[in-house]
Amino acid sequence: MTAIAYTVIAETNSEATMRAYVDWLSSGHIRDVIEGGAQSATLIRLDKSEDGMHRAEVRYVFGSRNAFEAYEAGPAMALREDGIRLFGPQSEHTIGFRRTLGGVVSVLP
């Protein structure tokens, strides 16, 4: 069984919006994803880029593709709805999201 890395990259042109997003992740959302099936999570506030965008990345690791698919079919739906309500196009704090998914090849100390 290969572990699966699921990464969510968020970006906005507003520092205040990024702070609100990171606070939301840290105050419960990451814990909720772990309770929904992830084994671990890493939150990274990326350095401000040349284009002036503020970015954050969360990498969740699931024990297997089956564990990730169970998360997607269940807890992910409600958790994403909450994120869209707070940070989607109709919210006060709009954030764009990209997601990646792949098998973990190795983990080094």
N, C-alpha and C. Protein backbone atom coordinates (compact mmCIF):
# COMPACT_ATOMS: atom_id res chain seq x y z
N MET A 1 0.83 -1.18 0.00
CA MET A 1 0.00 0.00 0.00
C MET A 1 0.88 1.25 0.00
N THR A 2 0.64 2.10 -0.95
CA THR A 2 1.38 3.35 -1.06
C THR A 2 0.61 4.48 -0.40
N ALA A 3 1.32 5.25 0.41
CA ALA A 3 0.70 6.44 1.01
C ALA A 3 0.42 7.45 -0.09
N ILE A 4 -0.59 8.27 0.13
CA ILE A 4 -1.02 9.27 -0.85
C ILE A 4 -0.83 10.67 -0.25
N ALA A 5 -0.20 11.55 -1.03
CA ALA A 5 -0.05 12.96 -0.63
C ALA A 5 -1.10 13.77 -1.37
N TYR A 6 -1.89 14.49 -0.63
CA TYR A 6 -2.94 15.35 -1.17
C TYR A 6 -2.58 16.78 -0.76
N THR A 7 -2.31 17.63 -1.73
CA THR A 7 -1.86 18.99 -1.45
C THR A 7 -2.88 20.00 -1.94
N VAL A 8 -3.18 20.97 -1.09
CA VAL A 8 -4.08 22.06 -1.44
C VAL A 8 -3.25 23.35 -1.39
N ILE A 9 -3.21 24.05 -2.51
CA ILE A 9 -2.47 25.31 -2.61
C ILE A 9 -3.50 26.43 -2.75
N ALA A 10 -3.42 27.40 -1.85
CA ALA A 10 -4.36 28.53 -1.84
C ALA A 10 -3.60 29.80 -2.16
N GLU A 11 -4.26 30.69 -2.94
CA GLU A 11 -3.62 31.96 -3.24
C GLU A 11 -4.63 33.09 -3.30
N THR A 12 -4.15 34.26 -2.87
CA THR A 12 -4.97 35.47 -2.85
C THR A 12 -4.05 36.68 -2.94
N ASN A 13 -4.59 37.78 -3.36
CA ASN A 13 -3.78 39.01 -3.40
C ASN A 13 -3.91 39.81 -2.11
N SER A 14 -4.62 39.29 -1.12
CA SER A 14 -4.87 40.00 0.13
C SER A 14 -4.18 39.32 1.31
N GLU A 15 -3.33 40.08 1.98
CA GLU A 15 -2.66 39.58 3.19
C GLU A 15 -3.69 39.25 4.27
N ALA A 16 -4.69 40.09 4.44
CA ALA A 16 -5.71 39.86 5.46
C ALA A 16 -6.48 38.57 5.18
N THR A 17 -6.79 38.33 3.91
CA THR A 17 -7.50 37.11 3.55
C THR A 17 -6.63 35.89 3.82
N MET A 18 -5.34 35.96 3.50
CA MET A 18 -4.46 34.82 3.76
C MET A 18 -4.34 34.57 5.26
N ARG A 19 -4.25 35.63 6.05
CA ARG A 19 -4.20 35.43 7.51
C ARG A 19 -5.46 34.75 8.01
N ALA A 20 -6.62 35.17 7.49
CA ALA A 20 -7.89 34.56 7.90
C ALA A 20 -7.93 33.08 7.50
N TYR A 21 -7.42 32.77 6.33
CA TYR A 21 -7.40 31.38 5.85
C TYR A 21 -6.48 30.52 6.72
N VAL A 22 -5.28 31.00 6.98
CA VAL A 22 -4.33 30.24 7.81
C VAL A 22 -4.90 30.05 9.21
N ASP A 23 -5.53 31.07 9.75
CA ASP A 23 -6.17 30.95 11.07
C ASP A 23 -7.26 29.89 11.05
N TRP A 24 -8.07 29.88 10.00
CA TRP A 24 -9.15 28.89 9.88
C TRP A 24 -8.57 27.48 9.80
N LEU A 25 -7.52 27.31 8.98
CA LEU A 25 -6.88 25.99 8.89
C LEU A 25 -6.37 25.54 10.25
N SER A 26 -5.67 26.44 10.93
CA SER A 26 -5.01 26.12 12.20
C SER A 26 -5.99 25.92 13.34
N SER A 27 -7.14 26.56 13.26
CA SER A 27 -8.09 26.48 14.38
C SER A 27 -9.07 25.32 14.28
N GLY A 28 -8.89 24.44 13.31
CA GLY A 28 -9.77 23.28 13.29
C GLY A 28 -9.87 22.53 11.98
N HIS A 29 -9.74 23.21 10.86
CA HIS A 29 -9.94 22.51 9.58
C HIS A 29 -8.93 21.38 9.39
N ILE A 30 -7.67 21.64 9.65
CA ILE A 30 -6.66 20.59 9.48
C ILE A 30 -6.97 19.41 10.39
N ARG A 31 -7.32 19.70 11.63
CA ARG A 31 -7.69 18.63 12.57
C ARG A 31 -8.88 17.83 12.04
N ASP A 32 -9.85 18.52 11.43
CA ASP A 32 -11.03 17.83 10.88
C ASP A 32 -10.65 16.90 9.73
N VAL A 33 -9.69 17.32 8.89
CA VAL A 33 -9.24 16.45 7.79
C VAL A 33 -8.52 15.23 8.36
N ILE A 34 -7.73 15.41 9.39
CA ILE A 34 -7.06 14.27 10.03
C ILE A 34 -8.10 13.34 10.65
N GLU A 35 -9.09 13.89 11.30
CA GLU A 35 -10.16 13.05 11.86
C GLU A 35 -10.94 12.36 10.75
N GLY A 36 -10.95 12.95 9.55
CA GLY A 36 -11.64 12.36 8.40
C GLY A 36 -10.84 11.31 7.68
N GLY A 37 -9.57 11.07 8.09
CA GLY A 37 -8.81 9.98 7.50
C GLY A 37 -7.36 10.25 7.18
N ALA A 38 -6.91 11.50 7.17
CA ALA A 38 -5.49 11.77 6.91
C ALA A 38 -4.65 11.32 8.09
N GLN A 39 -3.43 10.88 7.81
CA GLN A 39 -2.52 10.49 8.87
C GLN A 39 -1.76 11.68 9.44
N SER A 40 -1.49 12.65 8.58
CA SER A 40 -0.72 13.82 9.02
C SER A 40 -0.99 14.98 8.08
N ALA A 41 -0.55 16.16 8.51
CA ALA A 41 -0.70 17.35 7.68
C ALA A 41 0.45 18.31 7.99
N THR A 42 0.86 19.03 6.95
CA THR A 42 1.88 20.06 7.09
C THR A 42 1.33 21.33 6.45
N LEU A 43 1.33 22.43 7.20
CA LEU A 43 0.88 23.72 6.70
C LEU A 43 2.10 24.59 6.47
N ILE A 44 2.20 25.15 5.27
CA ILE A 44 3.34 26.00 4.91
C ILE A 44 2.80 27.33 4.40
N ARG A 45 3.25 28.40 4.98
CA ARG A 45 2.94 29.74 4.46
C ARG A 45 4.09 30.08 3.52
N LEU A 46 3.81 30.08 2.23
CA LEU A 46 4.85 30.31 1.23
C LEU A 46 5.27 31.78 1.23
N ASP A 47 6.51 32.03 0.88
CA ASP A 47 7.00 33.40 0.76
C ASP A 47 6.20 34.12 -0.31
N LYS A 48 6.02 35.43 -0.11
CA LYS A 48 5.30 36.23 -1.10
C LYS A 48 6.06 36.17 -2.43
N SER A 49 5.32 35.95 -3.48
CA SER A 49 5.94 35.78 -4.80
C SER A 49 6.12 37.11 -5.51
N GLU A 50 6.86 37.07 -6.60
CA GLU A 50 7.11 38.28 -7.39
C GLU A 50 5.82 38.89 -7.93
N ASP A 51 4.80 38.05 -8.14
CA ASP A 51 3.53 38.58 -8.66
C ASP A 51 2.67 39.20 -7.57
N GLY A 52 3.18 39.23 -6.32
CA GLY A 52 2.46 39.87 -5.23
C GLY A 52 1.40 39.01 -4.57
N MET A 53 1.26 37.77 -5.01
CA MET A 53 0.25 36.88 -4.44
C MET A 53 0.74 36.28 -3.12
N HIS A 54 -0.20 36.05 -2.23
CA HIS A 54 0.04 35.38 -0.96
C HIS A 54 -0.42 33.94 -1.12
N ARG A 55 0.41 32.99 -0.71
CA ARG A 55 0.08 31.58 -0.91
C ARG A 55 0.33 30.77 0.37
N ALA A 56 -0.47 29.74 0.51
CA ALA A 56 -0.27 28.75 1.57
C ALA A 56 -0.50 27.38 0.96
N GLU A 57 0.19 26.40 1.52
CA GLU A 57 0.08 25.03 1.02
C GLU A 57 -0.16 24.11 2.22
N VAL A 58 -1.10 23.21 2.08
CA VAL A 58 -1.31 22.17 3.09
C VAL A 58 -1.13 20.84 2.40
N ARG A 59 -0.23 20.02 2.95
CA ARG A 59 -0.02 18.67 2.41
C ARG A 59 -0.51 17.68 3.44
N TYR A 60 -1.53 16.93 3.04
CA TYR A 60 -2.08 15.86 3.86
C TYR A 60 -1.54 14.54 3.34
N VAL A 61 -1.24 13.62 4.25
CA VAL A 61 -0.82 12.28 3.86
C VAL A 61 -1.87 11.30 4.35
N PHE A 62 -2.35 10.49 3.40
CA PHE A 62 -3.30 9.42 3.69
C PHE A 62 -2.56 8.09 3.57
N GLY A 63 -2.95 7.11 4.36
CA GLY A 63 -2.25 5.83 4.39
C GLY A 63 -2.34 5.04 3.09
N SER A 64 -3.37 5.29 2.32
CA SER A 64 -3.56 4.55 1.07
C SER A 64 -4.52 5.31 0.17
N ARG A 65 -4.60 4.90 -1.06
CA ARG A 65 -5.56 5.51 -1.98
C ARG A 65 -6.99 5.23 -1.49
N ASN A 66 -7.22 4.04 -0.95
CA ASN A 66 -8.56 3.73 -0.42
C ASN A 66 -8.94 4.68 0.71
N ALA A 67 -7.98 5.00 1.58
CA ALA A 67 -8.26 5.94 2.67
C ALA A 67 -8.58 7.33 2.12
N PHE A 68 -7.85 7.75 1.09
CA PHE A 68 -8.13 9.05 0.48
C PHE A 68 -9.51 9.05 -0.18
N GLU A 69 -9.82 7.98 -0.91
CA GLU A 69 -11.12 7.90 -1.58
C GLU A 69 -12.27 7.89 -0.59
N ALA A 70 -12.08 7.24 0.56
CA ALA A 70 -13.12 7.26 1.61
C ALA A 70 -13.29 8.68 2.14
N TYR A 71 -12.20 9.40 2.31
CA TYR A 71 -12.27 10.80 2.73
C TYR A 71 -13.02 11.62 1.69
N GLU A 72 -12.68 11.47 0.43
CA GLU A 72 -13.33 12.23 -0.66
C GLU A 72 -14.83 11.94 -0.72
N ALA A 73 -15.21 10.70 -0.50
CA ALA A 73 -16.62 10.30 -0.61
C ALA A 73 -17.44 10.71 0.61
N GLY A 74 -16.76 11.03 1.71
CA GLY A 74 -17.48 11.34 2.94
C GLY A 74 -17.16 12.71 3.49
N PRO A 75 -16.22 12.78 4.43
CA PRO A 75 -15.97 14.04 5.14
C PRO A 75 -15.58 15.22 4.25
N ALA A 76 -14.91 14.98 3.15
CA ALA A 76 -14.43 16.07 2.29
C ALA A 76 -15.56 16.96 1.80
N MET A 77 -16.71 16.39 1.53
CA MET A 77 -17.82 17.18 0.98
C MET A 77 -18.21 18.32 1.92
N ALA A 78 -18.45 18.01 3.17
CA ALA A 78 -18.86 19.05 4.13
C ALA A 78 -17.72 20.01 4.42
N LEU A 79 -16.49 19.50 4.50
CA LEU A 79 -15.36 20.37 4.79
C LEU A 79 -15.12 21.36 3.64
N ARG A 80 -15.27 20.91 2.41
CA ARG A 80 -15.10 21.81 1.27
C ARG A 80 -16.22 22.84 1.20
N GLU A 81 -17.43 22.42 1.53
CA GLU A 81 -18.54 23.39 1.56
C GLU A 81 -18.26 24.51 2.54
N ASP A 82 -17.70 24.17 3.69
CA ASP A 82 -17.35 25.17 4.69
C ASP A 82 -16.30 26.12 4.13
N GLY A 83 -15.27 25.57 3.48
CA GLY A 83 -14.23 26.40 2.88
C GLY A 83 -14.76 27.31 1.79
N ILE A 84 -15.66 26.80 0.97
CA ILE A 84 -16.24 27.61 -0.10
C ILE A 84 -17.10 28.73 0.49
N ARG A 85 -17.83 28.41 1.54
CA ARG A 85 -18.65 29.44 2.20
C ARG A 85 -17.78 30.57 2.73
N LEU A 86 -16.63 30.23 3.30
CA LEU A 86 -15.76 31.23 3.91
C LEU A 86 -14.83 31.91 2.91
N PHE A 87 -14.36 31.16 1.88
CA PHE A 87 -13.30 31.67 1.01
C PHE A 87 -13.59 31.52 -0.48
N GLY A 88 -14.81 31.18 -0.84
CA GLY A 88 -15.18 31.01 -2.24
C GLY A 88 -15.46 32.34 -2.92
N PRO A 89 -15.85 32.29 -4.18
CA PRO A 89 -16.03 33.51 -4.98
C PRO A 89 -17.10 34.47 -4.45
N GLN A 90 -18.05 33.99 -3.70
CA GLN A 90 -19.11 34.85 -3.18
C GLN A 90 -18.82 35.35 -1.78
N SER A 91 -17.64 35.03 -1.23
CA SER A 91 -17.32 35.40 0.14
C SER A 91 -16.57 36.73 0.20
N GLU A 92 -16.42 37.21 1.40
CA GLU A 92 -15.66 38.45 1.63
C GLU A 92 -14.17 38.22 1.37
N HIS A 93 -13.69 37.02 1.63
CA HIS A 93 -12.27 36.66 1.50
C HIS A 93 -12.10 35.62 0.39
N THR A 94 -12.00 36.06 -0.84
CA THR A 94 -11.91 35.11 -1.96
C THR A 94 -10.49 34.58 -2.13
N ILE A 95 -10.41 33.26 -2.24
CA ILE A 95 -9.14 32.57 -2.44
C ILE A 95 -9.29 31.61 -3.62
N GLY A 96 -8.24 31.50 -4.42
CA GLY A 96 -8.19 30.51 -5.49
C GLY A 96 -7.47 29.27 -4.97
N PHE A 97 -7.91 28.10 -5.43
CA PHE A 97 -7.34 26.84 -4.95
C PHE A 97 -6.86 25.98 -6.10
N ARG A 98 -5.75 25.28 -5.86
CA ARG A 98 -5.26 24.22 -6.74
C ARG A 98 -5.01 23.00 -5.86
N ARG A 99 -5.22 21.84 -6.42
CA ARG A 99 -5.00 20.60 -5.67
C ARG A 99 -4.14 19.65 -6.48
N THR A 100 -3.28 18.91 -5.78
CA THR A 100 -2.51 17.85 -6.42
C THR A 100 -2.67 16.57 -5.61
N LEU A 101 -2.45 15.46 -6.26
CA LEU A 101 -2.57 14.15 -5.63
C LEU A 101 -1.50 13.24 -6.21
N GLY A 102 -0.81 12.50 -5.36
CA GLY A 102 0.20 11.58 -5.86
C GLY A 102 0.68 10.62 -4.80
N GLY A 103 1.31 9.56 -5.26
CA GLY A 103 1.86 8.55 -4.36
C GLY A 103 3.16 9.02 -3.74
N VAL A 104 3.34 8.74 -2.44
CA VAL A 104 4.56 9.08 -1.74
C VAL A 104 5.63 8.05 -2.13
N VAL A 105 6.74 8.53 -2.65
CA VAL A 105 7.82 7.65 -3.09
C VAL A 105 8.77 7.36 -1.93
N SER A 106 9.15 8.39 -1.18
CA SER A 106 10.03 8.18 -0.02
C SER A 106 9.87 9.33 0.95
N VAL A 107 10.20 9.06 2.19
CA VAL A 107 10.20 10.06 3.24
C VAL A 107 11.57 9.95 3.91
N LEU A 108 12.30 11.05 3.96
CA LEU A 108 13.64 11.06 4.53
C LEU A 108 13.63 11.86 5.82
N PRO A 109 14.47 11.47 6.78
CA PRO A 109 14.51 12.22 8.04
C PRO A 109 15.06 13.62 7.86
